Protein backbone atom coordinates (compact mmCIF):
# COMPACT_ATOMS: atom_id res chain seq x y z
CA MET A 1 121.15 70.08 85.58
CA THR A 2 119.08 67.45 86.95
CA GLU A 3 115.35 68.41 86.72
CA GLU A 4 113.39 68.06 90.05
CA GLY A 5 110.51 65.92 90.21
CA LEU A 6 109.29 62.68 91.61
CA TRP A 7 108.97 59.04 90.29
CA VAL A 8 105.59 57.18 90.30
CA VAL A 9 103.89 54.07 88.74
CA ASP A 10 101.72 54.39 85.90
CA SER A 11 98.81 52.61 86.50
CA LEU A 12 98.04 51.39 83.01
CA THR A 13 101.66 50.05 82.32
CA ASP A 14 102.94 49.70 85.74
CA GLU A 15 106.08 51.70 84.83
CA LEU A 16 108.13 54.02 86.47
CA VAL A 17 107.29 57.76 85.22
CA PHE A 18 109.45 60.64 86.02
CA ILE A 19 107.02 63.72 86.75
CA PRO A 20 108.64 67.31 87.03
CA TYR A 21 107.23 68.98 90.11
CA GLU A 22 106.20 71.95 88.33
CA ASP A 23 103.77 69.81 86.19
CA LEU A 24 102.00 68.75 89.19
CA ASP A 25 98.75 70.29 89.89
CA GLU A 26 98.60 72.84 92.77
CA ASP A 27 96.67 70.85 95.32
CA ILE A 28 98.60 67.73 94.60
CA ARG A 29 101.63 69.58 95.65
CA TRP A 30 100.49 70.86 98.83
CA GLN A 31 99.62 67.08 99.52
CA ILE A 32 102.90 65.40 99.06
CA PHE A 33 105.30 68.39 100.08
CA LYS A 34 105.31 67.72 103.49
CA PRO A 35 107.85 69.85 105.64
CA ILE A 36 110.57 68.08 107.33
CA GLY A 37 111.16 68.87 111.08
CA GLY A 38 108.19 71.09 111.19
CA PHE A 39 108.79 73.70 108.71
CA CYS A 40 112.12 72.96 106.23
CA TYR A 41 111.19 71.84 102.66
CA PRO A 42 114.19 70.42 100.07
CA MET A 43 114.68 73.43 97.91
CA GLY A 44 113.05 72.02 94.78
CA GLN A 45 109.80 71.17 96.32
CA PHE A 46 109.97 74.85 98.00
CA ALA A 47 110.54 76.48 94.44
CA GLN A 48 107.50 74.69 93.36
CA LEU A 49 104.77 75.51 96.32
CA ASP A 50 102.12 77.97 95.62
CA LEU A 51 102.62 80.36 98.20
CA PRO A 52 99.76 82.78 99.58
CA GLN A 53 100.39 86.48 99.02
CA ALA A 54 101.00 88.60 101.93
CA PRO A 55 98.02 90.38 103.27
CA PHE A 56 98.47 93.98 103.22
CA TRP A 57 96.90 97.14 104.65
CA ILE A 58 98.92 99.16 102.58
CA GLN A 59 100.81 97.10 99.72
CA ASP A 60 104.13 96.10 100.25
CA TRP A 61 104.30 98.68 103.24
CA LEU A 62 102.19 97.39 106.37
CA PRO A 63 101.25 93.64 106.50
CA LYS A 64 98.51 92.32 108.60
CA MET A 65 99.88 92.33 111.91
CA GLY A 66 102.97 93.82 110.67
CA LYS A 67 105.03 96.53 111.97
CA PHE A 68 106.02 100.13 110.66
CA LEU A 69 108.51 102.58 111.12
CA LEU A 70 108.68 106.05 109.79
CA TYR A 71 111.33 108.47 111.37
CA ALA A 72 112.01 111.96 109.99
CA PRO A 73 113.54 114.97 111.63
CA ARG A 74 111.14 117.90 113.33
CA LYS A 75 108.86 120.16 111.04
CA SER A 76 108.94 117.42 108.21
CA GLY A 77 104.83 116.82 108.06
CA LYS A 78 105.20 113.24 109.41
CA SER A 79 102.45 113.88 111.54
CA TYR A 80 100.07 115.00 108.79
CA LEU A 81 101.21 111.98 106.51
CA SER A 82 100.00 109.71 110.09
CA TYR A 83 96.34 111.41 109.35
CA GLN A 84 96.77 110.99 105.85
CA MET A 85 97.70 107.36 106.52
CA ALA A 86 94.95 106.93 108.70
CA ARG A 87 92.18 108.35 106.60
CA CYS A 88 93.19 106.37 103.51
CA ILE A 89 93.42 102.92 105.44
CA GLY A 90 89.66 104.11 106.96
CA GLU A 91 88.17 104.46 103.69
CA GLY A 92 90.33 101.90 101.52
CA LEU A 93 91.54 104.59 99.21
CA PRO A 94 95.32 104.70 97.82
CA PHE A 95 97.79 106.25 99.88
CA LEU A 96 100.53 108.10 98.16
CA GLY A 97 99.53 105.72 95.33
CA MET A 98 99.51 102.15 96.75
CA PRO A 99 96.69 100.17 96.97
CA THR A 100 94.96 99.85 100.54
CA GLN A 101 92.75 97.56 102.25
CA GLN A 102 89.88 98.87 104.26
CA GLY A 103 90.14 98.78 107.87
CA ARG A 104 89.54 100.58 111.55
CA VAL A 105 92.41 102.61 112.61
CA LEU A 106 93.24 104.01 115.96
CA LEU A 107 95.51 106.98 115.87
CA LEU A 108 97.28 108.04 119.46
CA GLN A 109 98.84 111.05 119.77
CA PHE A 110 101.17 111.86 122.49
CA GLU A 111 102.64 115.23 121.55
CA LEU A 112 100.19 117.41 120.72
CA GLY A 113 97.29 118.58 122.61
CA THR A 114 93.54 117.80 121.68
CA ALA A 115 92.99 121.57 120.74
CA VAL A 116 96.03 121.67 118.49
CA LEU A 117 95.37 117.89 117.08
CA GLN A 118 91.60 118.83 116.62
CA GLN A 119 92.68 122.05 114.65
CA ARG A 120 94.80 120.14 112.48
CA ILE A 121 91.84 117.76 111.46
CA VAL A 122 89.19 120.25 111.09
CA LYS A 123 90.59 123.62 110.03
CA ASP A 124 93.86 122.35 108.04
CA THR A 125 93.31 118.94 106.60
CA LYS A 126 89.12 119.65 106.15
CA LYS A 127 89.09 115.83 105.69
CA GLN A 128 86.41 113.01 106.85
CA TYR A 129 87.77 110.33 108.45
CA PRO A 130 85.97 107.10 108.51
CA ASN A 131 86.59 104.13 110.52
CA VAL A 132 89.32 106.27 112.49
CA PHE A 133 89.38 106.91 115.99
CA VAL A 134 91.78 109.26 117.49
CA GLY A 135 93.06 109.68 121.07
CA THR A 136 95.96 111.92 122.72
CA SER A 137 97.93 111.35 125.94
CA PHE A 138 101.10 113.25 127.34
CA SER A 139 101.42 110.25 129.98
CA LEU A 140 100.85 107.25 128.65
CA LYS A 141 104.28 105.14 129.09
CA ILE A 142 103.61 101.87 127.71
CA ASP A 143 106.55 100.56 129.78
CA ASP A 144 104.61 101.03 132.97
CA SER A 145 102.52 98.26 133.87
CA GLU A 146 99.32 100.69 134.57
CA SER A 147 99.72 102.52 131.70
CA LYS A 148 100.14 99.59 129.41
CA LYS A 149 96.93 98.48 130.84
CA LEU A 150 95.38 101.76 129.85
CA LEU A 151 96.41 101.16 126.04
CA TRP A 152 95.12 97.97 125.82
CA LYS A 153 91.98 99.09 127.68
CA ALA A 154 91.18 101.70 124.31
CA ILE A 155 92.47 98.96 121.99
CA GLU A 156 90.12 96.43 123.36
CA ALA A 157 87.29 99.15 122.83
CA VAL A 158 87.92 100.11 119.81
CA GLN A 159 89.28 96.71 118.09
CA PRO A 160 91.48 98.71 115.47
CA ASP A 161 93.00 96.60 112.82
CA VAL A 162 95.69 99.43 112.57
CA LEU A 163 97.46 101.01 115.73
CA ILE A 164 99.23 104.42 115.02
CA LEU A 165 101.32 105.62 117.57
CA ASP A 166 103.03 109.20 117.28
CA PRO A 167 105.89 109.91 118.33
CA LEU A 168 107.82 106.90 120.21
CA TYR A 169 109.83 108.84 122.70
CA LYS A 170 106.76 110.18 124.56
CA ILE A 171 105.43 106.68 124.95
CA MET A 172 108.35 105.23 126.92
CA SER A 173 109.89 106.29 130.30
CA GLY A 174 113.20 104.73 129.86
CA ASP A 175 116.21 106.04 127.78
CA GLU A 176 115.51 105.47 123.95
CA ASN A 177 118.96 105.21 123.61
CA GLU A 178 119.38 102.18 125.77
CA THR A 179 118.77 98.58 124.18
CA LYS A 180 117.17 97.06 127.56
CA ASP A 181 114.89 100.13 127.63
CA MET A 182 113.99 99.79 123.77
CA LYS A 183 113.50 96.06 124.23
CA ALA A 184 111.02 96.59 126.84
CA ILE A 185 108.95 98.63 124.55
CA VAL A 186 109.08 96.21 121.49
CA GLU A 187 108.20 93.23 124.03
CA VAL A 188 104.95 95.20 124.84
CA LEU A 189 104.28 96.01 121.20
CA ASP A 190 104.61 92.39 120.05
CA GLN A 191 102.74 91.34 123.22
CA THR A 192 99.72 93.84 121.61
CA ILE A 193 99.83 92.55 118.17
CA SER A 194 99.46 88.91 119.29
CA MET A 195 96.16 90.08 121.48
CA PHE A 196 94.68 92.22 119.44
CA LYS A 197 95.95 90.89 115.97
CA CYS A 198 96.46 94.65 114.71
CA SER A 199 98.95 95.70 112.51
CA ILE A 200 101.50 98.54 114.62
CA VAL A 201 102.70 101.90 112.85
CA ILE A 202 105.31 103.92 114.69
CA PHE A 203 106.38 107.59 113.90
CA HIS A 204 109.80 108.44 115.33
CA HIS A 205 112.07 111.40 115.26
CA ALA A 206 115.64 111.01 113.24
CA GLY A 207 118.98 111.46 114.70
CA LYS A 208 120.92 114.58 114.31
CA ASP A 209 122.73 112.70 111.13
CA ILE A 210 119.75 110.92 109.16
CA SER A 211 121.99 108.89 107.47
CA ARG A 212 122.70 106.99 110.59
CA GLY A 213 118.84 106.06 110.81
CA ALA A 214 116.15 106.81 113.63
CA ARG A 215 116.93 108.53 117.16
CA GLY A 216 118.17 106.07 119.76
CA SER A 217 118.69 102.46 119.90
CA SER A 218 118.64 100.49 116.75
CA VAL A 219 116.13 97.97 118.39
CA ILE A 220 113.33 99.49 116.98
CA GLU A 221 114.66 99.64 113.38
CA ASP A 222 115.83 95.79 113.75
CA TRP A 223 112.38 95.18 114.98
CA VAL A 224 109.88 96.23 112.24
CA ASP A 225 109.02 95.07 108.78
CA THR A 226 109.11 98.18 107.07
CA ALA A 227 111.51 101.37 108.02
CA LEU A 228 111.05 104.51 105.86
CA GLU A 229 113.25 107.60 105.98
CA MET A 230 111.37 110.91 105.81
CA LYS A 231 113.70 113.85 104.70
CA LYS A 232 112.67 117.28 104.20
CA THR A 233 114.13 118.36 100.72
CA SER A 234 112.55 121.94 100.39
CA LYS A 235 113.80 124.90 101.12
CA GLN A 236 112.39 127.73 103.39
CA GLY A 237 109.18 129.63 101.73
CA GLU A 238 108.91 126.78 99.30
CA PRO A 239 106.08 124.48 99.34
CA LEU A 240 106.97 121.51 101.55
CA ARG A 241 108.72 118.81 99.72
CA VAL A 242 109.83 115.36 101.34
CA LYS A 243 111.63 112.33 100.05
CA LEU A 244 110.80 108.72 101.43
CA THR A 245 113.18 106.39 101.43
CA ALA A 246 112.86 103.05 101.88
CA LYS A 247 115.25 101.58 104.42
CA ALA A 248 114.00 98.02 104.87
CA LEU A 249 110.99 96.38 103.03
CA ARG A 250 110.70 92.66 104.25
CA HIS A 251 107.85 92.05 102.55
CA ALA A 252 107.93 93.68 99.04
CA ALA A 253 108.70 91.62 95.98
CA ASP A 254 110.99 94.24 94.51
CA PRO A 255 113.28 97.37 95.96
CA THR A 256 111.30 100.52 95.99
CA ASP A 257 112.62 103.80 94.33
CA ASP A 258 112.58 106.90 96.18
CA MET A 259 109.38 108.81 96.66
CA LYS A 260 109.42 112.42 96.29
CA LEU A 261 106.17 114.15 97.75
CA GLU A 262 104.79 117.64 98.42
CA MET A 263 102.16 118.86 100.64
CA GLY A 264 99.04 120.38 98.80
CA GLU A 265 96.81 122.96 100.35
CA ASP A 266 94.93 120.06 102.18
CA TYR A 267 97.99 119.39 104.16
CA GLU A 268 98.27 115.86 102.67
CA PHE A 269 101.27 114.99 100.69
CA ALA A 270 101.14 113.82 96.78
CA PRO A 271 103.82 112.24 94.85
CA VAL A 272 105.46 114.76 92.14
CA ALA A 273 107.02 114.22 88.86
CA GLU A 274 110.56 114.66 88.97
CA VAL A 275 111.65 117.85 86.71
CA VAL A 276 114.52 117.01 84.27
CA THR A 277 116.21 120.58 83.38
CA VAL A 278 117.22 121.67 80.08
CA SER A 279 120.89 121.32 80.96
CA GLU A 280 120.19 117.99 82.29
CA GLN A 281 118.53 116.78 78.87
CA VAL A 282 121.34 118.33 76.89
CA LEU A 283 124.26 116.55 79.12
CA SER A 284 122.53 113.33 78.63
CA PHE A 285 122.19 113.78 74.95
CA LEU A 286 125.89 114.20 74.74
CA GLN A 287 126.85 111.54 76.82
CA LEU A 288 124.75 109.30 74.56
CA ALA A 289 126.55 110.65 71.55
CA ARG A 290 129.59 109.98 73.07
CA ASP A 291 129.12 106.36 74.31
CA THR A 292 127.58 105.42 70.84
CA THR A 293 129.43 107.45 68.06
CA GLY A 294 132.15 108.87 69.63
CA LYS A 295 131.68 112.48 67.97
CA PRO A 296 130.70 115.69 69.00
CA VAL A 297 127.13 117.04 68.83
CA SER A 298 125.80 120.50 66.93
CA ARG A 299 123.88 122.70 68.68
CA GLY A 300 121.13 122.08 65.52
CA ASP A 301 121.43 118.10 66.49
CA ILE A 302 120.21 119.07 70.09
CA LEU A 303 117.37 121.11 69.26
CA ASN A 304 116.21 118.68 66.44
CA ALA A 305 115.81 116.17 69.50
CA GLY A 306 113.36 118.33 71.03
CA ILE A 307 115.30 119.58 73.97
CA GLY A 308 114.54 123.13 74.88
CA SER A 309 114.58 126.45 72.54
CA ASN A 310 117.39 127.72 71.10
CA SER A 311 118.58 130.21 73.70
CA SER A 312 117.75 127.60 76.61
CA VAL A 313 119.85 125.19 75.18
CA GLN A 314 122.74 127.62 74.55
CA ASP A 315 122.45 128.80 78.07
CA ALA A 316 122.46 125.27 79.06
CA LEU A 317 125.71 124.57 76.80
CA ASN A 318 127.34 128.03 78.22
CA MET A 319 126.76 126.73 81.89
CA LEU A 320 128.15 123.24 81.41
CA CYS A 321 131.11 124.54 79.82
CA GLU A 322 131.93 126.73 82.49
CA ALA A 323 131.36 123.79 85.23
CA GLY A 324 133.72 121.87 82.52
CA GLU A 325 131.13 119.00 82.16
CA VAL A 326 131.21 119.84 78.38
CA GLU A 327 133.65 120.90 75.97
CA ARG A 328 133.19 123.06 72.89
CA VAL A 329 135.60 121.33 70.10
CA ALA A 330 134.54 123.48 67.14
CA ARG A 331 132.57 126.37 66.30
CA GLY A 332 128.56 124.97 67.74
CA GLU A 333 130.23 121.47 68.31
CA TYR A 334 130.28 119.86 72.13
CA GLN A 335 131.31 116.84 73.55
CA THR A 336 131.28 116.03 77.21
CA ASN A 337 134.38 115.62 79.17
């Protein structure tokens, strides 16, 4: 493969010398690598550019002047998550384990009355919210010119770095299922970002089939930098647990694994470790033995591996056999089917 670089004249010998791009200092690269047509580079030069890292309010999730969408079914705790996001950015504290940069936040709530919102903040979360401003309205429709002026008046007064809008359907007078109506909303949001140099976070409802994405037109999902699906996983009577799945992360270097969260007594979410059952450990141990040795495994081998107690391992083996995933091939010896 031909190495990418350039030929220069050696000032001492007057001979042509080849210098690979990767051997050039960063300052020199920026001086000699000039874009073609305003923004295009030869691939070899582009690969060697020392590009600045994208600045974030929430690492990988919310870039500065970026666009963020989270959608979830009702009663999933998404509004509480919006308060937590606002507080963490306002204080510059990690959000769900991810670094944040401290900034000013304006959180606008369009579904809850002021008394309910106050109760959630004061009595439920019992947190302090420095650098966070909050407002409620039932009538603000940003695709209406007068409402847009009111929104911009509030933003101009607060000068937020991050604007949180919750929920989306309440801020539009048009039909969320209509492409043209959603495009009108997106246009106002783009104007807002351009005018006030802020990032925008939108909380939205999921459709009846959450696997098909957010409710309404796909314009909003196509528009954002980051789209997260929030799905409730707990049952009635259990602590609220949800799963966050990244559907779009345009500024993240690597894909993000699903994040499993549980709401604590302070009404804030925290990541929870995945609990691996004894049955799952036994099955994995048997599968590994099949793949490496091809021989059955005794119950003693499983116990020696530190998996569970004598009774829990036997219960697990019995359950796996009944389910047809494991077969007892001899007395006290098992293998996967």
